Amino acid sequence: MLDQPPSVPVTTFGGAAAWTEQDGPFSELSHAEIRGDVLLVDGVGDKGGAEGVAVVDAGTGAPRWSVGALDELPGGDGALLYQVDKPTAVISSGDEWWPVVEYYRQAGDDHAERGLAVLSADDGSVVRTVPVVKAAPESEPEYTIANWRAGGTSAVVVAAPSATEDEGTVRTVGIDLLEGAVTWEREGQEGIDPATIAGGVVIGRAAGNGDDKQATAAYDLRSGEPKWSLADRYPSSYVDENRTPVAAGVLAVYVTDDAGVVGVALVDTVSGEELTRVKMASGCASDAAGEFLACGISVDDTSDRRLLTVSADGEPKVSGKAVEAGQVAGAFAGRTVVSGGSSALNLYDAAGNPRGEGPRGRLLAISEGHLVVATGGGYSVFALD
């Protein structure tokens, strides 16, 4: 167990919120990601009544740019923003980063072209579009994008016949988003339902296992070839497609044993090797940079809650001190955010030392400079010290 003095400074929240939904472009947020001095946000019900995506100043909420759902993407040659129910993704190379969204482009009465658009973080204009479903006559089967994930500089997209079609084959496609090129493709139920991209692999639910058995698997990001599967190791294994905790080459997977008890296995992303398995207590989270991961766990069948963390060295460590009961809501810079204790948000270092208390609300994003929480009817952004 990790039992040491505090390893990170206390975080303070500066009292009142720096700004709220009254100052930003949206009345509610479904997703937020902090990038330096700006926030990338997906909004629900903005002041004009539409959903959309925006980049805003983290300190004031002033929009740098925004695009509404079903509106034309600037410089996209008729491409419209389609992504409303999946968070805007981010790819990066060095210090540069680009939002990635789903688009469609209608051509007369034909079935629409559908794919991914890479946007400029500065002004929201289209850097490039990568078609996955090409426009086709109405006489041919209609395809839609069933799922996709982006990370690093790559994406994996699942294209499937629309719900009204009786014909067609599922396609899983790998894309180099910097080059704008499809790098591999798999047809039929041999692909993967992607949840996250990390360590040169795409991780998700292995296709073709049926609804009665969930199995986590990884495919090589460059070739699309299978790397490993947990299908034969656990009765069931799954990752949360909305929040897949991964850091320093380690993935947190929810697994069940033969008795049906749910636990957390920490797995090497490249080899699939299990590093440790523990009884789950209160979920897992990781930071946006993929450098720190934390899970709330039970130890020795007691009511105590401890933290299981992974940082840069990739070695799992258990906190020497117990933390308050509650859900692990986030992780950043060596700190774990637990919600639902005596205060709305409690911060701890890897050893379980308290490192601050925060306001009430559902955590959307946190960094060393800012905190974003969803409130009853909106959201608030706090400056951190």
Protein backbone atom coordinates (compact mmCIF):
# COMPACT_ATOMS: atom_id res chain seq x y z
CA MET A 1 0.00 0.00 0.00
CA LEU A 2 1.05 3.56 -0.69
CA ASP A 3 1.30 5.38 2.65
CA GLN A 4 3.15 8.68 2.42
CA PRO A 5 2.76 12.40 3.17
CA PRO A 6 0.74 14.49 0.70
CA SER A 7 2.35 14.44 -2.75
CA VAL A 8 0.35 17.22 -4.43
CA PRO A 9 -0.76 20.68 -3.22
CA VAL A 10 -4.20 21.36 -1.82
CA THR A 11 -6.63 22.48 -4.51
CA THR A 12 -8.91 25.42 -3.71
CA PHE A 13 -11.94 26.44 -5.74
CA GLY A 14 -11.96 30.21 -5.38
CA GLY A 15 -15.44 30.54 -3.90
CA ALA A 16 -18.00 31.64 -6.48
CA ALA A 17 -18.05 30.28 -10.02
CA ALA A 18 -16.05 32.22 -12.59
CA TRP A 19 -18.97 31.88 -15.01
CA THR A 20 -22.12 29.85 -15.60
CA GLU A 21 -24.57 28.93 -18.35
CA GLN A 22 -25.67 32.57 -18.28
CA ASP A 23 -22.33 33.54 -19.82
CA GLY A 24 -21.64 30.65 -22.21
CA PRO A 25 -23.14 29.67 -25.57
CA PHE A 26 -25.26 26.77 -24.22
CA SER A 27 -27.82 26.47 -21.45
CA GLU A 28 -26.69 22.90 -20.63
CA LEU A 29 -23.55 20.88 -21.33
CA SER A 30 -23.44 17.20 -22.21
CA HIS A 31 -19.63 17.06 -22.44
CA ALA A 32 -16.66 19.29 -21.66
CA GLU A 33 -12.92 18.95 -22.15
CA ILE A 34 -10.35 21.44 -20.87
CA ARG A 35 -7.52 22.32 -23.26
CA GLY A 36 -5.21 24.92 -21.74
CA ASP A 37 -7.09 28.22 -21.61
CA VAL A 38 -10.13 27.00 -23.56
CA LEU A 39 -12.99 24.53 -23.11
CA LEU A 40 -14.26 22.26 -25.86
CA VAL A 41 -17.95 21.74 -25.08
CA ASP A 42 -20.96 19.95 -26.50
CA GLY A 43 -24.13 21.84 -25.64
CA VAL A 44 -27.76 20.92 -25.32
CA GLY A 45 -30.40 23.58 -25.93
CA ASP A 46 -28.30 26.66 -26.63
CA LYS A 47 -29.81 30.11 -26.57
CA GLY A 48 -31.00 29.68 -30.15
CA GLY A 49 -32.64 26.36 -29.36
CA ALA A 50 -30.15 24.10 -31.14
CA GLU A 51 -27.55 21.58 -30.02
CA GLY A 52 -23.96 21.99 -31.09
CA VAL A 53 -20.24 22.15 -30.34
CA ALA A 54 -18.14 25.14 -29.31
CA VAL A 55 -14.72 26.23 -28.08
CA VAL A 56 -14.98 28.89 -25.37
CA ASP A 57 -12.60 30.86 -23.18
CA ALA A 58 -12.12 28.85 -19.99
CA GLY A 59 -11.95 31.97 -17.84
CA THR A 60 -15.02 33.82 -19.10
CA GLY A 61 -17.14 31.49 -21.27
CA ALA A 62 -16.82 33.80 -24.28
CA PRO A 63 -17.12 31.69 -27.47
CA ARG A 64 -14.13 31.43 -29.78
CA TRP A 65 -16.41 29.61 -32.24
CA SER A 66 -19.49 27.41 -32.31
CA VAL A 67 -21.40 25.25 -34.81
CA GLY A 68 -24.97 24.03 -34.39
CA ALA A 69 -26.11 20.50 -35.12
CA LEU A 70 -27.24 20.09 -38.75
CA ASP A 71 -25.55 23.40 -39.62
CA GLU A 72 -22.91 23.60 -42.34
CA LEU A 73 -19.35 23.22 -41.10
CA PRO A 74 -17.23 26.25 -42.13
CA GLY A 75 -15.05 25.35 -45.11
CA GLY A 76 -16.60 21.89 -45.33
CA ASP A 77 -17.93 22.12 -48.89
CA GLY A 78 -21.50 21.40 -47.83
CA ALA A 79 -20.67 19.02 -44.96
CA LEU A 80 -23.16 19.37 -42.08
CA LEU A 81 -22.49 18.69 -38.40
CA TYR A 82 -24.29 15.46 -37.54
CA GLN A 83 -22.74 14.58 -34.19
CA VAL A 84 -25.20 15.34 -31.41
CA ASP A 85 -25.37 12.20 -29.26
CA LYS A 86 -21.64 11.35 -29.13
CA PRO A 87 -19.06 13.64 -27.47
CA THR A 88 -16.80 15.61 -29.77
CA ALA A 89 -13.45 13.79 -29.87
CA VAL A 90 -9.96 15.26 -29.84
CA ILE A 91 -6.83 14.15 -31.68
CA SER A 92 -3.42 15.64 -31.02
CA SER A 93 0.16 15.71 -32.22
CA GLY A 94 2.74 17.51 -30.09
CA ASP A 95 1.18 20.73 -28.82
CA GLU A 96 -1.45 20.85 -31.56
CA TRP A 97 -4.97 19.47 -31.18
CA TRP A 98 -8.06 19.21 -33.36
CA PRO A 99 -11.72 18.50 -32.56
CA VAL A 100 -13.24 15.61 -34.54
CA VAL A 101 -16.95 15.38 -35.34
CA GLU A 102 -19.27 13.26 -37.46
CA TYR A 103 -20.62 14.87 -40.62
CA TYR A 104 -22.96 14.12 -43.47
CA ARG A 105 -23.16 15.61 -46.96
CA GLN A 106 -26.38 15.27 -48.91
CA ALA A 107 -26.31 15.01 -52.72
CA GLY A 108 -29.79 15.34 -54.19
CA ASP A 109 -31.98 12.32 -53.54
CA ASP A 110 -29.02 9.96 -53.08
CA HIS A 111 -28.10 8.43 -49.73
CA ALA A 112 -25.85 10.90 -47.91
CA GLU A 113 -22.08 10.70 -47.65
CA ARG A 114 -21.08 10.23 -44.02
CA GLY A 115 -17.71 10.40 -42.30
CA LEU A 116 -15.48 12.28 -39.86
CA ALA A 117 -14.42 15.91 -40.05
CA VAL A 118 -11.23 17.24 -38.45
CA LEU A 119 -11.73 20.85 -37.31
CA SER A 120 -9.39 23.71 -36.50
CA ALA A 121 -9.28 24.34 -32.76
CA ASP A 122 -8.76 28.04 -33.51
CA ASP A 123 -11.85 28.82 -35.58
CA GLY A 124 -13.83 25.59 -36.10
CA SER A 125 -13.21 25.45 -39.84
CA VAL A 126 -12.79 22.09 -41.55
CA VAL A 127 -9.19 20.94 -41.93
CA ARG A 128 -10.23 17.79 -43.78
CA THR A 129 -13.11 15.38 -44.15
CA VAL A 130 -12.71 11.61 -44.39
CA PRO A 131 -15.70 9.85 -45.97
CA VAL A 132 -16.55 6.41 -44.58
CA VAL A 133 -19.99 5.97 -46.14
CA LYS A 134 -19.98 7.28 -49.70
CA ALA A 135 -23.03 8.79 -51.38
CA ALA A 136 -25.04 6.13 -53.19
CA PRO A 137 -28.24 5.91 -55.25
CA GLU A 138 -31.45 5.24 -53.38
CA SER A 139 -31.61 1.86 -55.12
CA GLU A 140 -28.62 0.69 -53.05
CA PRO A 141 -28.65 -0.14 -49.29
CA GLU A 142 -28.41 2.90 -47.03
CA TYR A 143 -25.53 2.92 -44.55
CA THR A 144 -25.04 4.92 -41.39
CA ILE A 145 -22.20 5.33 -38.88
CA ALA A 146 -23.11 3.08 -35.94
CA ASN A 147 -20.15 3.91 -33.71
CA TRP A 148 -16.72 5.56 -33.80
CA ARG A 149 -13.83 6.55 -31.60
CA ALA A 150 -10.83 8.80 -32.17
CA GLY A 151 -7.57 9.16 -30.26
CA GLY A 152 -3.92 9.97 -30.89
CA THR A 153 -4.09 10.78 -34.59
CA SER A 154 -6.37 7.89 -35.57
CA ALA A 155 -10.00 6.82 -35.58
CA VAL A 156 -11.94 3.57 -35.85
CA VAL A 157 -15.43 3.74 -37.39
CA VAL A 158 -18.18 1.12 -37.61
CA ALA A 159 -20.49 1.56 -40.62
CA ALA A 160 -23.67 -0.50 -40.71
CA PRO A 161 -26.86 -0.74 -42.77
CA SER A 162 -29.56 1.59 -41.48
CA ALA A 163 -32.36 0.15 -39.37
CA THR A 164 -34.69 0.09 -42.37
CA GLU A 165 -32.37 -2.03 -44.53
CA ASP A 166 -32.46 -5.81 -44.94
CA GLU A 167 -29.24 -5.91 -46.97
CA GLY A 168 -25.67 -4.84 -46.42
CA THR A 169 -22.63 -5.82 -44.35
CA VAL A 170 -21.12 -4.21 -41.26
CA ARG A 171 -17.76 -2.57 -41.99
CA THR A 172 -15.11 -1.57 -39.44
CA VAL A 173 -12.63 0.99 -40.77
CA GLY A 174 -9.32 2.34 -39.43
CA ILE A 175 -8.41 5.92 -40.37
CA ASP A 176 -5.27 8.06 -40.15
CA LEU A 177 -6.89 11.42 -39.48
CA LEU A 178 -3.76 13.50 -40.08
CA GLU A 179 -3.32 11.98 -43.52
CA GLY A 180 -7.06 11.69 -44.17
CA ALA A 181 -6.64 8.10 -45.33
CA VAL A 182 -8.35 4.78 -44.61
CA THR A 183 -5.61 2.40 -43.42
CA TRP A 184 -7.57 -0.85 -43.02
CA GLU A 185 -11.05 -2.31 -43.27
CA ARG A 186 -12.79 -5.41 -41.93
CA GLU A 187 -16.17 -6.72 -43.06
CA GLY A 188 -18.85 -8.71 -41.27
CA GLN A 189 -18.93 -9.53 -37.57
CA GLU A 190 -15.15 -9.86 -37.27
CA GLY A 191 -14.60 -6.30 -36.15
CA ILE A 192 -14.79 -4.51 -32.83
CA ASP A 193 -17.26 -2.10 -31.28
CA PRO A 194 -14.73 0.59 -30.29
CA ALA A 195 -14.67 2.25 -26.87
CA THR A 196 -11.21 3.84 -26.73
CA ILE A 197 -7.86 4.12 -28.51
CA ALA A 198 -4.65 3.82 -26.50
CA GLY A 199 -1.15 2.39 -26.80
CA GLY A 200 -1.42 1.57 -30.50
CA VAL A 201 -4.61 -0.48 -30.10
CA VAL A 202 -8.34 0.09 -30.31
CA ILE A 203 -10.21 -1.44 -27.38
CA GLY A 204 -13.87 -2.28 -27.11
CA ARG A 205 -16.44 -5.05 -27.25
CA ALA A 206 -15.51 -7.91 -29.54
CA ALA A 207 -18.16 -8.18 -32.24
CA GLY A 208 -19.86 -11.51 -32.80
CA ASN A 209 -20.05 -12.65 -29.15
CA GLY A 210 -23.81 -12.21 -28.93
CA ASP A 211 -25.80 -10.21 -26.40
CA ASP A 212 -25.47 -12.85 -23.69
CA LYS A 213 -21.72 -12.49 -23.29
CA GLN A 214 -19.73 -9.27 -23.23
CA ALA A 215 -16.05 -9.66 -24.02
CA THR A 216 -13.43 -6.93 -24.17
CA ALA A 217 -10.86 -7.18 -26.94
CA ALA A 218 -8.14 -5.14 -28.65
CA TYR A 219 -7.20 -4.77 -32.30
CA ASP A 220 -3.99 -3.37 -33.74
CA LEU A 221 -4.62 0.25 -34.68
CA ARG A 222 -2.38 0.14 -37.77
CA SER A 223 -3.57 -3.12 -39.32
CA GLY A 224 -6.93 -3.95 -37.75
CA GLU A 225 -5.64 -7.40 -36.76
CA PRO A 226 -6.74 -8.91 -33.42
CA LYS A 227 -4.25 -8.39 -30.57
CA TRP A 228 -5.94 -9.96 -27.54
CA SER A 229 -9.33 -10.89 -26.11
CA LEU A 230 -10.66 -11.48 -22.60
CA ALA A 231 -13.46 -13.76 -23.86
CA ASP A 232 -11.88 -16.93 -22.44
CA ARG A 233 -10.57 -15.33 -19.25
CA TYR A 234 -13.71 -14.03 -17.57
CA PRO A 235 -17.41 -14.96 -17.82
CA SER A 236 -18.00 -11.31 -18.75
CA SER A 237 -15.80 -8.27 -19.29
CA TYR A 238 -16.74 -4.79 -20.45
CA VAL A 239 -15.54 -1.21 -20.66
CA ASP A 240 -17.71 1.87 -20.30
CA GLU A 241 -17.92 3.34 -23.80
CA ASN A 242 -18.76 6.77 -22.40
CA ARG A 243 -15.82 6.84 -20.00
CA THR A 244 -13.09 4.27 -20.55
CA PRO A 245 -10.34 4.68 -17.92
CA VAL A 246 -6.88 4.18 -19.44
CA ALA A 247 -3.49 5.66 -18.50
CA ALA A 248 0.19 4.81 -18.86
CA GLY A 249 -0.56 1.72 -20.94
CA VAL A 250 -3.06 0.34 -18.38
CA LEU A 251 -6.78 -0.18 -18.92
CA ALA A 252 -9.47 -0.60 -16.23
CA VAL A 253 -11.92 -3.35 -17.26
CA TYR A 254 -15.05 -4.34 -15.37
CA VAL A 255 -15.16 -8.14 -15.04
CA THR A 256 -17.32 -10.78 -13.38
CA ASP A 257 -16.18 -14.04 -11.82
CA ASP A 258 -17.97 -17.39 -11.89
CA ALA A 259 -20.13 -16.32 -8.95
CA GLY A 260 -21.24 -13.17 -10.79
CA VAL A 261 -19.29 -10.81 -8.53
CA VAL A 262 -18.22 -7.64 -10.35
CA GLY A 263 -14.61 -6.52 -10.01
CA VAL A 264 -12.03 -4.37 -11.76
CA ALA A 265 -9.09 -5.85 -13.65
CA LEU A 266 -6.19 -3.63 -14.64
CA VAL A 267 -4.92 -4.88 -18.00
CA ASP A 268 -1.88 -4.03 -20.10
CA THR A 269 -3.24 -2.36 -23.24
CA VAL A 270 -0.65 -3.89 -25.57
CA SER A 271 -0.55 -7.50 -24.35
CA GLY A 272 -3.86 -7.90 -22.53
CA GLU A 273 -1.98 -9.26 -19.51
CA GLU A 274 -3.80 -8.84 -16.19
CA LEU A 275 -1.76 -6.75 -13.77
CA THR A 276 -4.14 -6.98 -10.83
CA ARG A 277 -7.80 -7.63 -10.05
CA VAL A 278 -9.77 -6.16 -7.15
CA LYS A 279 -13.31 -5.92 -5.84
CA MET A 280 -15.05 -2.92 -7.31
CA ALA A 281 -16.58 -0.36 -5.01
CA SER A 282 -17.08 2.97 -6.72
CA GLY A 283 -15.98 3.11 -10.34
CA CYS A 284 -12.89 4.29 -12.21
CA ALA A 285 -11.73 7.40 -14.07
CA SER A 286 -8.66 8.73 -15.86
CA ASP A 287 -7.42 12.12 -17.02
CA ALA A 288 -7.74 13.38 -20.60
CA ALA A 289 -3.99 13.12 -21.13
CA GLY A 290 -3.91 9.41 -20.28
CA GLU A 291 -1.34 9.91 -17.53
CA PHE A 292 -3.27 9.08 -14.34
CA LEU A 293 -5.96 6.49 -13.57
CA ALA A 294 -7.89 5.90 -10.35
CA CYS A 295 -10.47 3.39 -9.12
CA GLY A 296 -12.39 3.22 -5.87
CA ILE A 297 -12.06 -0.26 -4.38
CA SER A 298 -12.94 -2.38 -1.35
CA VAL A 299 -10.10 -3.96 0.62
CA ASP A 300 -10.31 -7.13 2.74
CA ASP A 301 -14.12 -7.22 2.68
CA THR A 302 -14.37 -4.15 4.90
CA SER A 303 -16.47 -1.04 4.38
CA ASP A 304 -13.32 1.01 3.88
CA ARG A 305 -12.86 2.59 0.47
CA ARG A 306 -9.35 2.84 -0.92
CA LEU A 307 -7.92 4.19 -4.15
CA LEU A 308 -6.22 2.01 -6.72
CA THR A 309 -4.13 4.31 -8.92
CA VAL A 310 -1.78 4.10 -11.89
CA SER A 311 0.57 6.92 -12.85
CA ALA A 312 3.54 7.34 -15.20
CA ASP A 313 5.40 4.17 -14.12
CA GLY A 314 2.38 1.99 -14.97
CA GLU A 315 2.51 0.22 -11.58
CA PRO A 316 -0.83 -0.18 -9.74
CA LYS A 317 -0.77 1.17 -6.17
CA VAL A 318 -3.37 1.04 -3.37
CA SER A 319 -3.77 4.03 -1.06
CA GLY A 320 -2.66 3.54 2.53
CA LYS A 321 -5.50 5.72 3.80
CA ALA A 322 -9.22 5.15 3.40
CA VAL A 323 -11.23 7.75 1.51
CA GLU A 324 -14.85 8.81 1.90
CA ALA A 325 -17.50 6.61 0.34
CA GLY A 326 -18.66 7.92 -3.00
CA GLN A 327 -18.23 7.56 -6.75
CA VAL A 328 -14.87 8.16 -8.42
CA ALA A 329 -15.89 11.01 -10.72
CA GLY A 330 -12.58 12.12 -12.20
CA ALA A 331 -8.80 12.06 -12.10
CA PHE A 332 -6.12 14.61 -12.97
CA ALA A 333 -2.49 15.40 -12.15
CA GLY A 334 -2.14 12.80 -9.40
CA ARG A 335 -5.49 13.68 -7.83
CA THR A 336 -8.69 11.65 -7.63
CA VAL A 337 -12.11 13.31 -7.42
CA VAL A 338 -14.72 11.44 -5.36
CA SER A 339 -18.32 12.65 -5.36
CA GLY A 340 -21.08 11.97 -2.87
CA GLY A 341 -19.20 12.18 0.42
CA SER A 342 -19.65 14.75 3.18
CA SER A 343 -19.09 17.48 0.60
CA ALA A 344 -20.08 17.30 -3.06
CA LEU A 345 -16.54 16.72 -4.36
CA ASN A 346 -13.54 15.46 -2.40
CA LEU A 347 -10.00 15.43 -3.80
CA TYR A 348 -7.31 12.95 -2.72
CA ASP A 349 -3.75 12.16 -3.71
CA ALA A 350 -2.66 8.61 -4.53
CA ALA A 351 -1.98 7.81 -0.86
CA GLY A 352 -5.52 8.87 0.15
CA ASN A 353 -4.51 12.21 1.70
CA PRO A 354 -7.31 14.81 1.40
CA ARG A 355 -6.31 17.53 -1.08
CA GLY A 356 -9.37 19.76 -1.25
CA GLU A 357 -13.16 19.99 -1.28
CA GLY A 358 -15.28 21.24 -4.13
CA PRO A 359 -18.77 22.52 -4.93
CA ARG A 360 -21.86 20.48 -5.54
CA GLY A 361 -22.65 19.23 -9.02
CA ARG A 362 -21.87 16.44 -11.47
CA LEU A 363 -18.25 16.62 -12.58
CA LEU A 364 -17.84 17.27 -16.31
CA ALA A 365 -14.14 18.19 -16.49
CA ILE A 366 -11.25 19.18 -14.23
CA SER A 367 -7.66 20.30 -14.73
CA GLU A 368 -5.08 22.10 -12.65
CA GLY A 369 -6.67 25.40 -13.67
CA HIS A 370 -10.41 24.84 -14.01
CA LEU A 371 -13.38 22.77 -12.84
CA VAL A 372 -16.63 22.29 -14.76
CA VAL A 373 -19.71 20.88 -13.01
CA ALA A 374 -23.27 20.33 -14.21
CA THR A 375 -25.84 21.78 -11.82
CA GLY A 376 -29.60 21.30 -11.54
CA GLY A 377 -30.49 23.40 -14.54
CA GLY A 378 -27.17 24.41 -16.05
CA TYR A 379 -23.45 24.35 -15.27
CA SER A 380 -20.72 26.28 -13.48
CA VAL A 381 -17.03 26.80 -14.20
CA PHE A 382 -14.62 27.45 -11.35
CA ALA A 383 -11.03 28.70 -11.38
CA LEU A 384 -8.71 26.48 -9.33
CA ASP A 385 -5.76 27.58 -7.18
